[in-house]
N, C-alpha and C. Protein backbone atom coordinates (compact mmCIF):
# COMPACT_ATOMS: atom_id res chain seq x y z
N UNK A 1 0.81 -1.19 0.00
CA UNK A 1 0.00 0.00 0.00
C UNK A 1 0.85 1.26 0.00
N UNK A 2 2.10 1.17 0.41
CA UNK A 2 2.95 2.33 0.49
C UNK A 2 3.25 2.92 -0.89
N UNK A 3 2.92 2.22 -1.97
CA UNK A 3 3.15 2.73 -3.31
C UNK A 3 2.16 3.82 -3.69
N UNK A 4 1.03 3.89 -3.03
CA UNK A 4 -0.02 4.85 -3.35
C UNK A 4 0.16 6.07 -2.47
N UNK A 5 0.52 7.22 -3.06
CA UNK A 5 0.72 8.43 -2.28
C UNK A 5 -0.20 9.54 -2.79
N UNK A 6 -0.67 10.34 -1.87
CA UNK A 6 -1.46 11.51 -2.18
C UNK A 6 -0.48 12.65 -2.41
N UNK A 7 -0.71 13.46 -3.41
CA UNK A 7 0.21 14.56 -3.69
C UNK A 7 0.11 15.67 -2.65
N UNK A 8 -1.00 15.76 -1.90
CA UNK A 8 -1.16 16.81 -0.89
C UNK A 8 -0.41 16.51 0.39
N UNK A 9 -0.19 15.23 0.68
CA UNK A 9 0.45 14.89 1.95
C UNK A 9 1.20 13.57 1.82
N UNK A 10 1.78 13.12 2.90
CA UNK A 10 2.59 11.91 2.89
C UNK A 10 1.81 10.66 3.27
N UNK A 11 0.50 10.72 3.31
CA UNK A 11 -0.29 9.59 3.75
C UNK A 11 -0.82 8.81 2.56
N UNK A 12 -0.95 7.51 2.70
CA UNK A 12 -1.36 6.68 1.57
C UNK A 12 -2.78 6.97 1.09
N UNK A 13 -2.96 6.78 -0.20
CA UNK A 13 -4.29 6.82 -0.79
C UNK A 13 -4.78 5.38 -0.80
N UNK A 14 -6.01 5.17 -0.41
CA UNK A 14 -6.53 3.81 -0.32
C UNK A 14 -6.76 3.20 -1.69
N UNK A 15 -6.29 1.96 -1.89
CA UNK A 15 -6.65 1.26 -3.12
C UNK A 15 -8.17 1.05 -3.15
N UNK A 16 -8.71 0.74 -4.29
CA UNK A 16 -10.16 0.63 -4.48
C UNK A 16 -10.83 -0.34 -3.51
N UNK A 17 -10.18 -1.44 -3.16
CA UNK A 17 -10.82 -2.43 -2.30
C UNK A 17 -10.82 -2.04 -0.82
N UNK A 18 -10.22 -0.92 -0.46
CA UNK A 18 -10.23 -0.44 0.91
C UNK A 18 -11.14 0.77 1.02
N UNK A 19 -11.86 0.85 2.12
CA UNK A 19 -12.87 1.88 2.31
C UNK A 19 -12.41 3.03 3.19
N UNK A 20 -11.68 2.72 4.25
CA UNK A 20 -11.47 3.70 5.31
C UNK A 20 -10.05 3.63 5.86
N UNK A 21 -9.45 4.81 6.08
CA UNK A 21 -8.20 4.88 6.83
C UNK A 21 -8.59 5.04 8.30
N UNK A 22 -8.07 4.15 9.13
CA UNK A 22 -8.36 4.19 10.56
C UNK A 22 -7.05 4.43 11.30
N UNK A 23 -7.04 5.44 12.15
CA UNK A 23 -5.88 5.76 12.97
C UNK A 23 -6.26 5.46 14.42
N UNK A 24 -5.59 4.47 15.01
CA UNK A 24 -5.81 4.14 16.41
C UNK A 24 -4.76 4.92 17.20
N UNK A 25 -5.21 5.80 18.07
CA UNK A 25 -4.32 6.71 18.79
C UNK A 25 -4.49 6.48 20.28
N UNK A 26 -3.39 6.12 20.92
CA UNK A 26 -3.43 5.96 22.38
C UNK A 26 -3.36 7.33 23.04
N UNK A 27 -4.10 7.50 24.11
CA UNK A 27 -4.07 8.76 24.85
C UNK A 27 -2.64 9.09 25.28
N UNK A 28 -2.41 10.37 25.60
CA UNK A 28 -1.09 10.81 26.05
C UNK A 28 -0.80 10.35 27.48
N UNK A 29 0.36 10.76 27.96
CA UNK A 29 0.82 10.38 29.31
C UNK A 29 -0.17 10.92 30.34
N UNK A 30 -0.64 10.02 31.20
CA UNK A 30 -1.66 10.37 32.19
C UNK A 30 -1.11 10.25 33.61
N UNK A 31 -1.85 10.80 34.56
CA UNK A 31 -1.51 10.69 35.98
C UNK A 31 -1.38 9.21 36.35
N UNK A 32 -0.54 8.93 37.31
CA UNK A 32 -0.29 7.55 37.74
C UNK A 32 -1.57 6.90 38.27
N UNK A 33 -1.65 5.60 38.05
CA UNK A 33 -2.76 4.83 38.61
C UNK A 33 -2.76 4.99 40.13
N UNK A 34 -3.95 5.04 40.70
CA UNK A 34 -4.07 5.14 42.15
C UNK A 34 -4.03 6.56 42.68
N UNK A 35 -3.75 7.55 41.83
CA UNK A 35 -3.69 8.93 42.30
C UNK A 35 -5.07 9.60 42.28
N UNK A 36 -6.04 8.95 41.65
CA UNK A 36 -7.41 9.45 41.61
C UNK A 36 -8.33 8.36 42.13
N UNK A 37 -9.45 8.77 42.70
CA UNK A 37 -10.39 7.82 43.28
C UNK A 37 -10.84 6.79 42.24
N UNK A 38 -11.13 7.25 41.04
CA UNK A 38 -11.54 6.36 39.96
C UNK A 38 -10.54 6.49 38.81
N UNK A 39 -10.21 5.36 38.20
CA UNK A 39 -9.27 5.36 37.08
C UNK A 39 -9.79 6.23 35.94
N UNK A 40 -11.09 6.26 35.74
CA UNK A 40 -11.69 7.03 34.65
C UNK A 40 -11.40 8.52 34.77
N UNK A 41 -11.06 8.99 35.97
CA UNK A 41 -10.84 10.41 36.21
C UNK A 41 -9.40 10.86 35.96
N UNK A 42 -8.49 9.91 35.73
CA UNK A 42 -7.08 10.29 35.56
C UNK A 42 -6.89 11.16 34.31
N UNK A 43 -6.39 12.40 34.48
CA UNK A 43 -6.16 13.28 33.34
C UNK A 43 -4.75 13.11 32.77
N UNK A 44 -4.52 13.78 31.66
CA UNK A 44 -3.16 13.86 31.14
C UNK A 44 -2.32 14.71 32.09
N UNK A 45 -1.07 14.37 32.21
CA UNK A 45 -0.15 15.20 32.98
C UNK A 45 0.24 16.41 32.12
N UNK A 46 0.92 17.38 32.72
CA UNK A 46 1.41 18.52 31.94
C UNK A 46 2.33 18.03 30.82
N UNK A 47 3.20 17.07 31.14
CA UNK A 47 4.09 16.49 30.14
C UNK A 47 3.28 15.79 29.05
N UNK A 48 2.23 15.07 29.45
CA UNK A 48 1.37 14.38 28.50
C UNK A 48 0.66 15.35 27.57
N UNK A 49 0.19 16.45 28.12
CA UNK A 49 -0.46 17.48 27.29
C UNK A 49 0.53 18.04 26.29
N UNK A 50 1.71 18.42 26.77
CA UNK A 50 2.73 19.04 25.91
C UNK A 50 3.14 18.10 24.77
N UNK A 51 3.44 16.84 25.11
CA UNK A 51 3.86 15.88 24.08
C UNK A 51 2.75 15.60 23.08
N UNK A 52 1.53 15.47 23.57
CA UNK A 52 0.40 15.20 22.69
C UNK A 52 0.14 16.39 21.77
N UNK A 53 0.28 17.60 22.28
CA UNK A 53 0.13 18.80 21.44
C UNK A 53 1.19 18.82 20.33
N UNK A 54 2.43 18.49 20.68
CA UNK A 54 3.50 18.48 19.68
C UNK A 54 3.24 17.43 18.61
N UNK A 55 2.78 16.27 19.02
CA UNK A 55 2.48 15.19 18.07
C UNK A 55 1.33 15.61 17.16
N UNK A 56 0.29 16.21 17.74
CA UNK A 56 -0.85 16.67 16.94
C UNK A 56 -0.42 17.73 15.93
N UNK A 57 0.44 18.65 16.36
CA UNK A 57 0.94 19.68 15.45
C UNK A 57 1.76 19.06 14.32
N UNK A 58 2.54 18.05 14.65
CA UNK A 58 3.33 17.35 13.62
C UNK A 58 2.41 16.66 12.61
N UNK A 59 1.37 15.99 13.10
CA UNK A 59 0.42 15.33 12.21
C UNK A 59 -0.25 16.35 11.28
N UNK A 60 -0.62 17.50 11.84
CA UNK A 60 -1.24 18.55 11.03
C UNK A 60 -0.25 19.06 9.98
N UNK A 61 1.00 19.21 10.35
CA UNK A 61 2.02 19.69 9.39
C UNK A 61 2.23 18.68 8.25
N UNK A 62 1.92 17.42 8.49
CA UNK A 62 2.03 16.39 7.46
C UNK A 62 0.78 16.32 6.57
N UNK A 63 -0.23 17.12 6.92
CA UNK A 63 -1.44 17.17 6.11
C UNK A 63 -2.52 16.18 6.49
N UNK A 64 -2.38 15.53 7.64
CA UNK A 64 -3.40 14.57 8.06
C UNK A 64 -4.66 15.28 8.52
N UNK A 65 -5.81 14.75 8.13
CA UNK A 65 -7.11 15.26 8.55
C UNK A 65 -8.01 14.07 8.85
N UNK A 66 -8.82 14.18 9.90
CA UNK A 66 -9.78 13.14 10.26
C UNK A 66 -11.19 13.64 9.95
N UNK A 67 -11.97 12.80 9.29
CA UNK A 67 -13.38 13.12 9.08
C UNK A 67 -14.18 12.92 10.36
N UNK A 68 -13.67 12.05 11.22
CA UNK A 68 -14.36 11.73 12.48
C UNK A 68 -13.31 11.34 13.50
N UNK A 69 -13.49 11.80 14.74
CA UNK A 69 -12.69 11.34 15.87
C UNK A 69 -13.66 10.75 16.89
N UNK A 70 -13.45 9.49 17.21
CA UNK A 70 -14.19 8.83 18.28
C UNK A 70 -13.25 8.64 19.45
N UNK A 71 -13.74 8.85 20.66
CA UNK A 71 -12.89 8.73 21.82
C UNK A 71 -13.57 7.96 22.95
N UNK A 72 -12.75 7.30 23.71
CA UNK A 72 -13.19 6.68 24.96
C UNK A 72 -13.75 7.78 25.86
N UNK A 73 -14.69 7.44 26.74
CA UNK A 73 -15.22 8.45 27.66
C UNK A 73 -14.30 8.79 28.84
N UNK A 74 -13.16 8.13 28.96
CA UNK A 74 -12.25 8.42 30.07
C UNK A 74 -11.58 9.78 29.84
N UNK A 75 -11.36 10.50 30.93
CA UNK A 75 -10.87 11.89 30.87
C UNK A 75 -9.61 12.01 30.01
N UNK A 76 -8.63 11.15 30.20
CA UNK A 76 -7.36 11.27 29.46
C UNK A 76 -7.55 11.09 27.96
N UNK A 77 -8.47 10.25 27.55
CA UNK A 77 -8.74 10.06 26.13
C UNK A 77 -9.49 11.27 25.55
N UNK A 78 -10.45 11.78 26.30
CA UNK A 78 -11.17 12.97 25.84
C UNK A 78 -10.21 14.14 25.68
N UNK A 79 -9.29 14.31 26.64
CA UNK A 79 -8.31 15.40 26.52
C UNK A 79 -7.45 15.22 25.27
N UNK A 80 -7.08 13.98 24.96
CA UNK A 80 -6.29 13.71 23.76
C UNK A 80 -7.09 14.07 22.51
N UNK A 81 -8.37 13.69 22.47
CA UNK A 81 -9.23 14.04 21.33
C UNK A 81 -9.38 15.55 21.19
N UNK A 82 -9.50 16.25 22.30
CA UNK A 82 -9.60 17.71 22.26
C UNK A 82 -8.34 18.32 21.67
N UNK A 83 -7.18 17.78 22.04
CA UNK A 83 -5.91 18.28 21.50
C UNK A 83 -5.85 18.05 19.99
N UNK A 84 -6.31 16.91 19.52
CA UNK A 84 -6.35 16.65 18.08
C UNK A 84 -7.21 17.69 17.36
N UNK A 85 -8.35 18.01 17.95
CA UNK A 85 -9.24 19.00 17.35
C UNK A 85 -8.63 20.40 17.41
N UNK A 86 -7.97 20.75 18.50
CA UNK A 86 -7.33 22.06 18.62
C UNK A 86 -6.22 22.24 17.58
N UNK A 87 -5.61 21.13 17.15
CA UNK A 87 -4.57 21.19 16.12
C UNK A 87 -5.17 21.16 14.72
N UNK A 88 -6.49 21.27 14.63
CA UNK A 88 -7.22 21.28 13.37
C UNK A 88 -7.09 19.98 12.58
N UNK A 89 -6.94 18.87 13.29
CA UNK A 89 -6.93 17.57 12.64
C UNK A 89 -8.36 17.09 12.40
N UNK A 90 -9.30 17.65 13.13
CA UNK A 90 -10.73 17.35 12.99
C UNK A 90 -11.50 18.53 13.55
N UNK A 91 -12.77 18.62 13.17
CA UNK A 91 -13.58 19.73 13.67
C UNK A 91 -14.20 19.43 15.02
N UNK A 92 -14.40 18.15 15.32
CA UNK A 92 -15.04 17.78 16.58
C UNK A 92 -14.78 16.31 16.85
N UNK A 93 -15.18 15.86 18.03
CA UNK A 93 -15.05 14.45 18.40
C UNK A 93 -16.36 13.98 19.01
N UNK A 94 -16.51 12.66 19.05
CA UNK A 94 -17.67 12.06 19.70
C UNK A 94 -17.17 11.04 20.72
N UNK A 95 -17.80 11.03 21.87
CA UNK A 95 -17.49 10.02 22.89
C UNK A 95 -18.14 8.71 22.42
N UNK A 96 -17.36 7.65 22.47
CA UNK A 96 -17.80 6.34 21.97
C UNK A 96 -17.44 5.28 23.01
N UNK A 97 -18.39 4.88 23.87
CA UNK A 97 -18.12 3.97 24.98
C UNK A 97 -17.39 2.66 24.62
N UNK A 98 -17.59 2.07 23.45
CA UNK A 98 -16.83 0.85 23.15
C UNK A 98 -15.31 1.06 23.10
N UNK A 99 -14.84 2.32 23.13
CA UNK A 99 -13.40 2.57 23.19
C UNK A 99 -12.87 2.57 24.63
N UNK A 100 -13.72 2.27 25.59
CA UNK A 100 -13.26 2.06 26.97
C UNK A 100 -12.18 0.99 27.00
N UNK A 101 -11.38 0.93 28.07
CA UNK A 101 -10.49 -0.22 28.20
C UNK A 101 -11.32 -1.51 28.09
N UNK A 102 -10.81 -2.48 27.41
CA UNK A 102 -11.51 -3.76 27.17
C UNK A 102 -12.76 -3.57 26.34
N UNK A 103 -12.76 -2.57 25.45
CA UNK A 103 -13.89 -2.33 24.58
C UNK A 103 -14.10 -3.45 23.57
N UNK A 104 -15.27 -3.45 22.96
CA UNK A 104 -15.67 -4.51 22.05
C UNK A 104 -15.50 -4.09 20.59
N UNK A 105 -14.62 -4.78 19.88
CA UNK A 105 -14.37 -4.49 18.47
C UNK A 105 -15.64 -4.63 17.65
N UNK A 106 -16.49 -5.61 17.94
CA UNK A 106 -17.70 -5.81 17.15
C UNK A 106 -18.64 -4.61 17.23
N UNK A 107 -18.69 -3.94 18.37
CA UNK A 107 -19.53 -2.74 18.48
C UNK A 107 -19.00 -1.64 17.57
N UNK A 108 -17.66 -1.50 17.52
CA UNK A 108 -17.09 -0.50 16.63
C UNK A 108 -17.32 -0.89 15.17
N UNK A 109 -17.19 -2.16 14.83
CA UNK A 109 -17.43 -2.59 13.45
C UNK A 109 -18.88 -2.32 13.03
N UNK A 110 -19.82 -2.46 13.94
CA UNK A 110 -21.22 -2.11 13.64
C UNK A 110 -21.34 -0.63 13.34
N UNK A 111 -20.68 0.19 14.16
CA UNK A 111 -20.68 1.63 13.91
C UNK A 111 -20.04 1.92 12.55
N UNK A 112 -18.89 1.29 12.27
CA UNK A 112 -18.17 1.52 11.03
C UNK A 112 -19.03 1.14 9.82
N UNK A 113 -19.72 0.04 9.90
CA UNK A 113 -20.58 -0.39 8.80
C UNK A 113 -21.62 0.68 8.47
N UNK A 114 -22.22 1.25 9.50
CA UNK A 114 -23.20 2.32 9.30
C UNK A 114 -22.52 3.56 8.73
N UNK A 115 -21.39 3.95 9.30
CA UNK A 115 -20.66 5.16 8.87
C UNK A 115 -20.22 5.04 7.42
N UNK A 116 -19.77 3.86 7.02
CA UNK A 116 -19.29 3.66 5.65
C UNK A 116 -20.40 3.80 4.61
N UNK A 117 -21.64 3.74 5.01
CA UNK A 117 -22.72 3.96 4.04
C UNK A 117 -22.85 5.43 3.68
N UNK A 118 -22.31 6.33 4.53
CA UNK A 118 -22.40 7.77 4.29
C UNK A 118 -21.08 8.36 3.82
N UNK A 119 -19.99 7.87 4.36
CA UNK A 119 -18.66 8.35 4.01
C UNK A 119 -17.69 7.21 4.27
N UNK A 120 -16.49 7.33 3.81
CA UNK A 120 -15.56 6.22 4.02
C UNK A 120 -14.11 6.69 4.04
N UNK A 121 -13.89 7.86 4.53
CA UNK A 121 -12.56 8.42 4.44
C UNK A 121 -11.65 8.06 5.62
N UNK A 122 -11.57 8.94 6.60
CA UNK A 122 -10.56 8.82 7.65
C UNK A 122 -11.19 9.00 9.03
N UNK A 123 -10.92 8.04 9.91
CA UNK A 123 -11.45 8.10 11.27
C UNK A 123 -10.30 7.85 12.25
N UNK A 124 -10.31 8.61 13.34
CA UNK A 124 -9.35 8.39 14.43
C UNK A 124 -10.10 7.81 15.62
N UNK A 125 -9.50 6.81 16.24
CA UNK A 125 -10.05 6.19 17.44
C UNK A 125 -9.08 6.45 18.58
N UNK A 126 -9.51 7.20 19.58
CA UNK A 126 -8.65 7.53 20.72
C UNK A 126 -9.04 6.64 21.88
N UNK A 127 -8.07 5.87 22.36
CA UNK A 127 -8.39 4.93 23.42
C UNK A 127 -7.19 4.49 24.22
N UNK A 128 -7.20 3.21 24.58
CA UNK A 128 -6.31 2.68 25.61
C UNK A 128 -5.63 1.39 25.16
N UNK A 129 -4.57 1.08 25.86
CA UNK A 129 -3.91 -0.22 25.69
C UNK A 129 -4.42 -1.15 26.78
N UNK A 130 -4.51 -2.41 26.51
CA UNK A 130 -4.12 -3.10 25.28
C UNK A 130 -5.22 -3.16 24.23
N UNK A 131 -6.34 -2.50 24.47
CA UNK A 131 -7.48 -2.59 23.54
C UNK A 131 -7.11 -2.20 22.12
N UNK A 132 -6.45 -1.06 21.94
CA UNK A 132 -6.18 -0.59 20.58
C UNK A 132 -5.26 -1.54 19.81
N UNK A 133 -4.20 -2.01 20.44
CA UNK A 133 -3.30 -2.92 19.71
C UNK A 133 -3.98 -4.26 19.46
N UNK A 134 -4.84 -4.70 20.35
CA UNK A 134 -5.60 -5.94 20.12
C UNK A 134 -6.55 -5.78 18.93
N UNK A 135 -7.26 -4.65 18.89
CA UNK A 135 -8.16 -4.40 17.76
C UNK A 135 -7.37 -4.39 16.47
N UNK A 136 -6.22 -3.71 16.47
CA UNK A 136 -5.41 -3.64 15.25
C UNK A 136 -4.96 -5.03 14.81
N UNK A 137 -4.53 -5.85 15.74
CA UNK A 137 -4.11 -7.21 15.39
C UNK A 137 -5.27 -8.02 14.82
N UNK A 138 -6.44 -7.88 15.42
CA UNK A 138 -7.61 -8.60 14.91
C UNK A 138 -7.95 -8.14 13.50
N UNK A 139 -7.88 -6.84 13.27
CA UNK A 139 -8.22 -6.31 11.96
C UNK A 139 -7.20 -6.74 10.90
N UNK A 140 -5.93 -6.79 11.26
CA UNK A 140 -4.89 -7.16 10.29
C UNK A 140 -4.73 -8.68 10.17
N UNK A 141 -4.60 -9.36 11.30
CA UNK A 141 -4.28 -10.79 11.29
C UNK A 141 -5.48 -11.71 11.51
N UNK A 142 -6.55 -11.18 12.05
CA UNK A 142 -7.71 -12.01 12.38
C UNK A 142 -7.59 -12.67 13.73
N UNK A 143 -6.49 -12.43 14.44
CA UNK A 143 -6.27 -12.99 15.78
C UNK A 143 -5.34 -12.07 16.56
N UNK A 144 -5.20 -12.35 17.85
CA UNK A 144 -4.37 -11.52 18.73
C UNK A 144 -3.26 -12.38 19.32
N UNK A 145 -2.03 -11.88 19.22
CA UNK A 145 -0.91 -12.59 19.86
C UNK A 145 -0.23 -11.73 20.93
N UNK A 146 -0.77 -10.53 21.16
CA UNK A 146 -0.27 -9.61 22.20
C UNK A 146 1.18 -9.19 21.99
N UNK A 147 1.65 -9.19 20.76
CA UNK A 147 3.02 -8.75 20.48
C UNK A 147 3.09 -7.27 20.13
N UNK A 148 1.98 -6.69 19.72
CA UNK A 148 1.99 -5.28 19.37
C UNK A 148 1.76 -4.46 20.63
N UNK A 149 2.53 -3.40 20.79
CA UNK A 149 2.37 -2.50 21.92
C UNK A 149 2.32 -1.08 21.38
N UNK A 150 1.30 -0.35 21.75
CA UNK A 150 1.15 1.03 21.32
C UNK A 150 1.52 1.94 22.49
N UNK A 151 2.59 2.70 22.30
CA UNK A 151 3.05 3.63 23.34
C UNK A 151 2.04 4.76 23.53
N UNK A 152 2.11 5.44 24.68
CA UNK A 152 1.22 6.57 24.93
C UNK A 152 1.46 7.64 23.88
N UNK A 153 0.38 8.08 23.25
CA UNK A 153 0.37 9.04 22.14
C UNK A 153 0.93 8.43 20.85
N UNK A 154 1.08 7.11 20.82
CA UNK A 154 1.49 6.41 19.61
C UNK A 154 0.30 6.20 18.68
N UNK A 155 0.60 5.84 17.43
CA UNK A 155 -0.44 5.75 16.41
C UNK A 155 -0.25 4.50 15.55
N UNK A 156 -1.36 3.83 15.29
CA UNK A 156 -1.40 2.73 14.33
C UNK A 156 -2.34 3.18 13.21
N UNK A 157 -1.87 3.06 11.96
CA UNK A 157 -2.70 3.39 10.80
C UNK A 157 -3.08 2.13 10.05
N UNK A 158 -4.36 1.96 9.77
CA UNK A 158 -4.85 0.79 9.06
C UNK A 158 -5.72 1.21 7.88
N UNK A 159 -5.58 0.48 6.79
CA UNK A 159 -6.51 0.59 5.67
C UNK A 159 -7.53 -0.52 5.88
N UNK A 160 -8.77 -0.14 6.01
CA UNK A 160 -9.83 -1.08 6.39
C UNK A 160 -10.85 -1.19 5.25
N UNK A 161 -11.15 -2.43 4.83
CA UNK A 161 -12.19 -2.62 3.81
C UNK A 161 -13.57 -2.42 4.43
N UNK A 162 -14.60 -2.76 3.70
CA UNK A 162 -15.95 -2.70 4.27
C UNK A 162 -15.96 -3.43 5.60
N UNK A 163 -16.69 -2.89 6.56
CA UNK A 163 -16.66 -3.40 7.93
C UNK A 163 -16.91 -4.90 8.01
N UNK A 164 -17.80 -5.42 7.19
CA UNK A 164 -18.11 -6.85 7.28
C UNK A 164 -16.93 -7.73 6.84
N UNK A 165 -15.93 -7.14 6.17
CA UNK A 165 -14.74 -7.87 5.73
C UNK A 165 -13.48 -7.41 6.46
N UNK A 166 -13.62 -6.57 7.47
CA UNK A 166 -12.46 -5.92 8.07
C UNK A 166 -11.55 -6.86 8.85
N UNK A 167 -12.11 -7.79 9.61
CA UNK A 167 -11.30 -8.66 10.47
C UNK A 167 -10.44 -9.58 9.61
N UNK A 168 -9.13 -9.48 9.81
CA UNK A 168 -8.18 -10.30 9.06
C UNK A 168 -7.91 -9.81 7.65
N UNK A 169 -8.57 -8.75 7.21
CA UNK A 169 -8.40 -8.25 5.85
C UNK A 169 -7.90 -6.81 5.78
N UNK A 170 -7.67 -6.19 6.92
CA UNK A 170 -7.17 -4.82 6.95
C UNK A 170 -5.67 -4.82 6.74
N UNK A 171 -5.15 -3.67 6.34
CA UNK A 171 -3.73 -3.57 6.04
C UNK A 171 -3.07 -2.49 6.91
N UNK A 172 -1.99 -2.88 7.56
CA UNK A 172 -1.21 -1.94 8.37
C UNK A 172 -0.40 -1.05 7.45
N UNK A 173 -0.51 0.27 7.62
CA UNK A 173 0.37 1.16 6.86
C UNK A 173 1.18 2.09 7.75
N UNK A 174 0.87 2.10 9.07
CA UNK A 174 1.60 3.00 9.96
C UNK A 174 1.60 2.43 11.37
N UNK A 175 2.76 2.34 11.98
CA UNK A 175 2.89 1.99 13.40
C UNK A 175 4.00 2.89 13.92
N UNK A 176 3.59 3.97 14.59
CA UNK A 176 4.53 5.03 14.91
C UNK A 176 4.58 5.30 16.41
N UNK A 177 5.77 5.13 17.02
CA UNK A 177 5.91 5.55 18.41
C UNK A 177 5.96 7.07 18.47
N UNK A 178 5.56 7.64 19.57
CA UNK A 178 5.51 9.11 19.65
C UNK A 178 6.86 9.78 19.43
N UNK A 179 7.94 9.14 19.80
CA UNK A 179 9.26 9.79 19.66
C UNK A 179 9.59 10.14 18.21
N UNK A 180 9.01 9.43 17.25
CA UNK A 180 9.29 9.71 15.85
C UNK A 180 8.50 10.92 15.34
N UNK A 181 7.55 11.38 16.12
CA UNK A 181 6.74 12.54 15.72
C UNK A 181 7.11 13.81 16.49
N UNK A 182 8.02 13.69 17.43
CA UNK A 182 8.41 14.86 18.23
C UNK A 182 9.56 15.61 17.60
């Protein structure tokens, strides 16, 4: 897939049999576990905000744009989605509960199937580990071996066919640790 390039930016153009570019983005560096009464309340640290802002600015400078940003309802993921929008990578985001830790890929595939009937361009999913890397492995390989690890503020890019064919048929085009975008 790396042979197909868009002249406006450095991101691949999808071949005809692929419908959607999906970017799985792990939230930035968050407060340590146990420092808040509920894990859901843990925000990004100042360092996490700064690094995530720099990464978002770098993505914008590369010409990346999201037609939709879906985010976990946890505070740190929402803050990450807000930073993506502030960098003009998207106009807005939607909270999507299946992106919670241990979220269900099938729920997202149902959403994707509906979304692909209206548009099929680029979607960002902001969430957590190990959920995001597990989803990516299922989409690419059809199974999970827990070898993929997505660092905080890291990104996995997938070319995804129609949702009903996505599992085991998607193509990895980007697996980027945050240090390469800073």
